[in-house]
Amino acid sequence: MALAFKDISPQAPVHILVIPKEPIPKLADAGDQHQALLGHLLLTVKRVGLSPELKKKGYALLCVSYVRSD
């Protein structure tokens, strides 16, 4: 349901993207039918956060909700 991978152009020492396999262009476009997917994304972030490089210092969760125009 989700993919997690290191960003190829990181903005932080550790920058991991977690994205849904099912495209949702913007969070504002999510509906009740996406409830399980959105919960799964948060639990995936939690699992990624248990990695040794993040577990010690913690992590920030950022949710971006826009469609790129380029």
N, C-alpha and C. Protein backbone atom coordinates (compact mmCIF):
# COMPACT_ATOMS: atom_id res chain seq x y z
N MET A 1 0.81 -1.21 0.00
CA MET A 1 0.00 0.00 0.00
C MET A 1 0.85 1.27 0.00
N ALA A 2 2.14 1.12 0.40
CA ALA A 2 3.01 2.30 0.49
C ALA A 2 4.43 1.94 0.10
N LEU A 3 5.17 2.95 -0.31
CA LEU A 3 6.59 2.81 -0.62
C LEU A 3 7.36 3.79 0.26
N ALA A 4 8.51 3.37 0.77
CA ALA A 4 9.38 4.24 1.56
C ALA A 4 10.77 4.16 0.94
N PHE A 5 11.39 5.33 0.70
CA PHE A 5 12.72 5.35 0.09
C PHE A 5 13.41 6.66 0.42
N LYS A 6 14.74 6.64 0.36
CA LYS A 6 15.52 7.86 0.62
C LYS A 6 15.36 8.82 -0.55
N ASP A 7 15.22 10.09 -0.22
CA ASP A 7 15.09 11.14 -1.23
C ASP A 7 16.41 11.28 -2.00
N ILE A 8 16.34 11.45 -3.32
CA ILE A 8 17.56 11.60 -4.12
C ILE A 8 18.16 13.01 -3.98
N SER A 9 17.37 13.95 -3.47
CA SER A 9 17.84 15.32 -3.23
C SER A 9 17.43 15.71 -1.81
N PRO A 10 18.07 15.12 -0.81
CA PRO A 10 17.62 15.31 0.57
C PRO A 10 17.76 16.74 1.07
N GLN A 11 16.81 17.15 1.87
CA GLN A 11 16.81 18.48 2.49
C GLN A 11 17.21 18.39 3.96
N ALA A 12 17.56 17.22 4.41
CA ALA A 12 17.98 16.97 5.79
C ALA A 12 18.98 15.82 5.76
N PRO A 13 19.75 15.63 6.84
CA PRO A 13 20.69 14.51 6.86
C PRO A 13 20.03 13.16 6.57
N VAL A 14 18.84 12.96 7.08
CA VAL A 14 18.06 11.77 6.76
C VAL A 14 16.72 12.28 6.21
N HIS A 15 16.42 11.93 4.98
CA HIS A 15 15.20 12.42 4.32
C HIS A 15 14.57 11.23 3.59
N ILE A 16 13.53 10.68 4.19
CA ILE A 16 12.87 9.50 3.64
C ILE A 16 11.45 9.87 3.23
N LEU A 17 11.10 9.47 2.04
CA LEU A 17 9.75 9.72 1.54
C LEU A 17 8.91 8.46 1.74
N VAL A 18 7.69 8.65 2.20
CA VAL A 18 6.71 7.56 2.31
C VAL A 18 5.52 7.99 1.48
N ILE A 19 5.23 7.23 0.43
CA ILE A 19 4.16 7.62 -0.49
C ILE A 19 3.19 6.45 -0.69
N PRO A 20 1.94 6.77 -0.97
CA PRO A 20 0.98 5.70 -1.24
C PRO A 20 1.18 5.15 -2.65
N LYS A 21 0.94 3.85 -2.82
CA LYS A 21 0.98 3.27 -4.17
C LYS A 21 -0.22 3.73 -4.99
N GLU A 22 -1.34 3.96 -4.31
CA GLU A 22 -2.54 4.48 -4.98
C GLU A 22 -2.41 6.00 -5.02
N PRO A 23 -2.42 6.59 -6.20
CA PRO A 23 -2.23 8.04 -6.27
C PRO A 23 -3.40 8.81 -5.65
N ILE A 24 -3.03 9.73 -4.78
CA ILE A 24 -3.97 10.72 -4.24
C ILE A 24 -3.27 12.06 -4.49
N PRO A 25 -3.69 12.84 -5.49
CA PRO A 25 -2.95 14.05 -5.87
C PRO A 25 -2.71 15.02 -4.72
N LYS A 26 -3.72 15.23 -3.89
CA LYS A 26 -3.61 16.13 -2.74
C LYS A 26 -4.36 15.51 -1.58
N LEU A 27 -3.93 15.83 -0.36
CA LEU A 27 -4.63 15.33 0.81
C LEU A 27 -6.09 15.79 0.79
N ALA A 28 -6.34 16.97 0.27
CA ALA A 28 -7.71 17.48 0.17
C ALA A 28 -8.60 16.61 -0.72
N ASP A 29 -7.98 15.81 -1.59
CA ASP A 29 -8.73 14.92 -2.48
C ASP A 29 -9.06 13.58 -1.83
N ALA A 30 -8.48 13.31 -0.66
CA ALA A 30 -8.73 12.04 0.02
C ALA A 30 -10.15 12.01 0.55
N GLY A 31 -10.75 10.83 0.45
CA GLY A 31 -12.11 10.66 0.94
C GLY A 31 -12.18 9.54 1.96
N ASP A 32 -13.39 9.24 2.40
CA ASP A 32 -13.58 8.17 3.37
C ASP A 32 -13.01 6.84 2.87
N GLN A 33 -13.01 6.64 1.55
CA GLN A 33 -12.50 5.39 0.99
C GLN A 33 -10.98 5.27 1.16
N HIS A 34 -10.30 6.34 1.54
CA HIS A 34 -8.85 6.31 1.73
C HIS A 34 -8.45 6.17 3.21
N GLN A 35 -9.40 5.98 4.09
CA GLN A 35 -9.11 5.93 5.52
C GLN A 35 -8.07 4.86 5.87
N ALA A 36 -8.24 3.65 5.36
CA ALA A 36 -7.29 2.57 5.66
C ALA A 36 -5.91 2.88 5.10
N LEU A 37 -5.85 3.44 3.90
CA LEU A 37 -4.58 3.79 3.27
C LEU A 37 -3.85 4.86 4.08
N LEU A 38 -4.56 5.88 4.50
CA LEU A 38 -3.94 6.97 5.27
C LEU A 38 -3.43 6.45 6.61
N GLY A 39 -4.18 5.58 7.25
CA GLY A 39 -3.71 4.96 8.49
C GLY A 39 -2.47 4.12 8.24
N HIS A 40 -2.47 3.38 7.14
CA HIS A 40 -1.32 2.55 6.78
C HIS A 40 -0.08 3.42 6.57
N LEU A 41 -0.25 4.58 5.93
CA LEU A 41 0.88 5.48 5.71
C LEU A 41 1.50 5.91 7.03
N LEU A 42 0.67 6.26 8.00
CA LEU A 42 1.20 6.68 9.31
C LEU A 42 1.92 5.53 10.01
N LEU A 43 1.38 4.34 9.92
CA LEU A 43 2.05 3.19 10.55
C LEU A 43 3.35 2.86 9.83
N THR A 44 3.41 3.09 8.52
CA THR A 44 4.65 2.90 7.78
C THR A 44 5.70 3.91 8.23
N VAL A 45 5.29 5.16 8.44
CA VAL A 45 6.21 6.18 8.95
C VAL A 45 6.74 5.74 10.32
N LYS A 46 5.87 5.21 11.15
CA LYS A 46 6.30 4.73 12.47
C LYS A 46 7.36 3.64 12.34
N ARG A 47 7.13 2.68 11.43
CA ARG A 47 8.10 1.59 11.24
C ARG A 47 9.43 2.12 10.72
N VAL A 48 9.39 3.05 9.79
CA VAL A 48 10.62 3.66 9.27
C VAL A 48 11.34 4.38 10.41
N GLY A 49 10.57 5.04 11.26
CA GLY A 49 11.14 5.77 12.39
C GLY A 49 11.80 4.89 13.43
N LEU A 50 11.58 3.58 13.38
CA LEU A 50 12.23 2.66 14.30
C LEU A 50 13.63 2.25 13.83
N SER A 51 14.02 2.72 12.65
CA SER A 51 15.36 2.41 12.15
C SER A 51 16.40 3.05 13.09
N PRO A 52 17.56 2.43 13.23
CA PRO A 52 18.57 2.95 14.16
C PRO A 52 18.93 4.42 13.95
N GLU A 53 19.02 4.86 12.69
CA GLU A 53 19.43 6.25 12.42
C GLU A 53 18.35 7.26 12.83
N LEU A 54 17.11 6.86 12.95
CA LEU A 54 16.04 7.77 13.34
C LEU A 54 15.57 7.57 14.78
N LYS A 55 15.65 6.34 15.24
CA LYS A 55 15.11 6.01 16.56
C LYS A 55 15.80 6.81 17.67
N LYS A 56 17.09 7.02 17.55
CA LYS A 56 17.86 7.70 18.59
C LYS A 56 17.47 9.18 18.74
N LYS A 57 17.34 9.88 17.63
CA LYS A 57 17.08 11.33 17.67
C LYS A 57 15.62 11.70 17.44
N GLY A 58 14.83 10.77 16.94
CA GLY A 58 13.46 11.10 16.58
C GLY A 58 13.38 11.62 15.16
N TYR A 59 12.19 12.02 14.76
CA TYR A 59 12.00 12.47 13.39
C TYR A 59 10.83 13.44 13.31
N ALA A 60 10.79 14.18 12.25
CA ALA A 60 9.68 15.10 11.97
C ALA A 60 8.86 14.49 10.84
N LEU A 61 7.57 14.64 10.92
CA LEU A 61 6.66 14.16 9.88
C LEU A 61 6.09 15.37 9.17
N LEU A 62 6.27 15.41 7.87
CA LEU A 62 5.78 16.52 7.06
C LEU A 62 4.82 15.96 6.02
N CYS A 63 3.67 16.55 5.91
CA CYS A 63 2.68 16.13 4.92
C CYS A 63 2.56 17.25 3.89
N VAL A 64 2.92 16.95 2.66
CA VAL A 64 2.87 17.94 1.59
C VAL A 64 1.61 17.68 0.78
N SER A 65 0.83 18.73 0.54
CA SER A 65 -0.42 18.57 -0.19
C SER A 65 -0.53 19.60 -1.30
N TYR A 66 0.17 19.32 -2.39
CA TYR A 66 0.07 20.15 -3.58
C TYR A 66 0.42 19.32 -4.79
N VAL A 67 0.05 19.80 -5.95
CA VAL A 67 0.39 19.13 -7.20
C VAL A 67 1.44 19.98 -7.89
N ARG A 68 2.59 19.35 -8.19
CA ARG A 68 3.67 20.09 -8.86
C ARG A 68 3.25 20.47 -10.27
N SER A 69 3.66 21.63 -10.71
CA SER A 69 3.27 22.09 -12.04
C SER A 69 4.37 21.87 -13.07
N ASP A 70 5.57 21.41 -12.65
CA ASP A 70 6.66 21.26 -13.63
C ASP A 70 6.77 19.86 -14.15
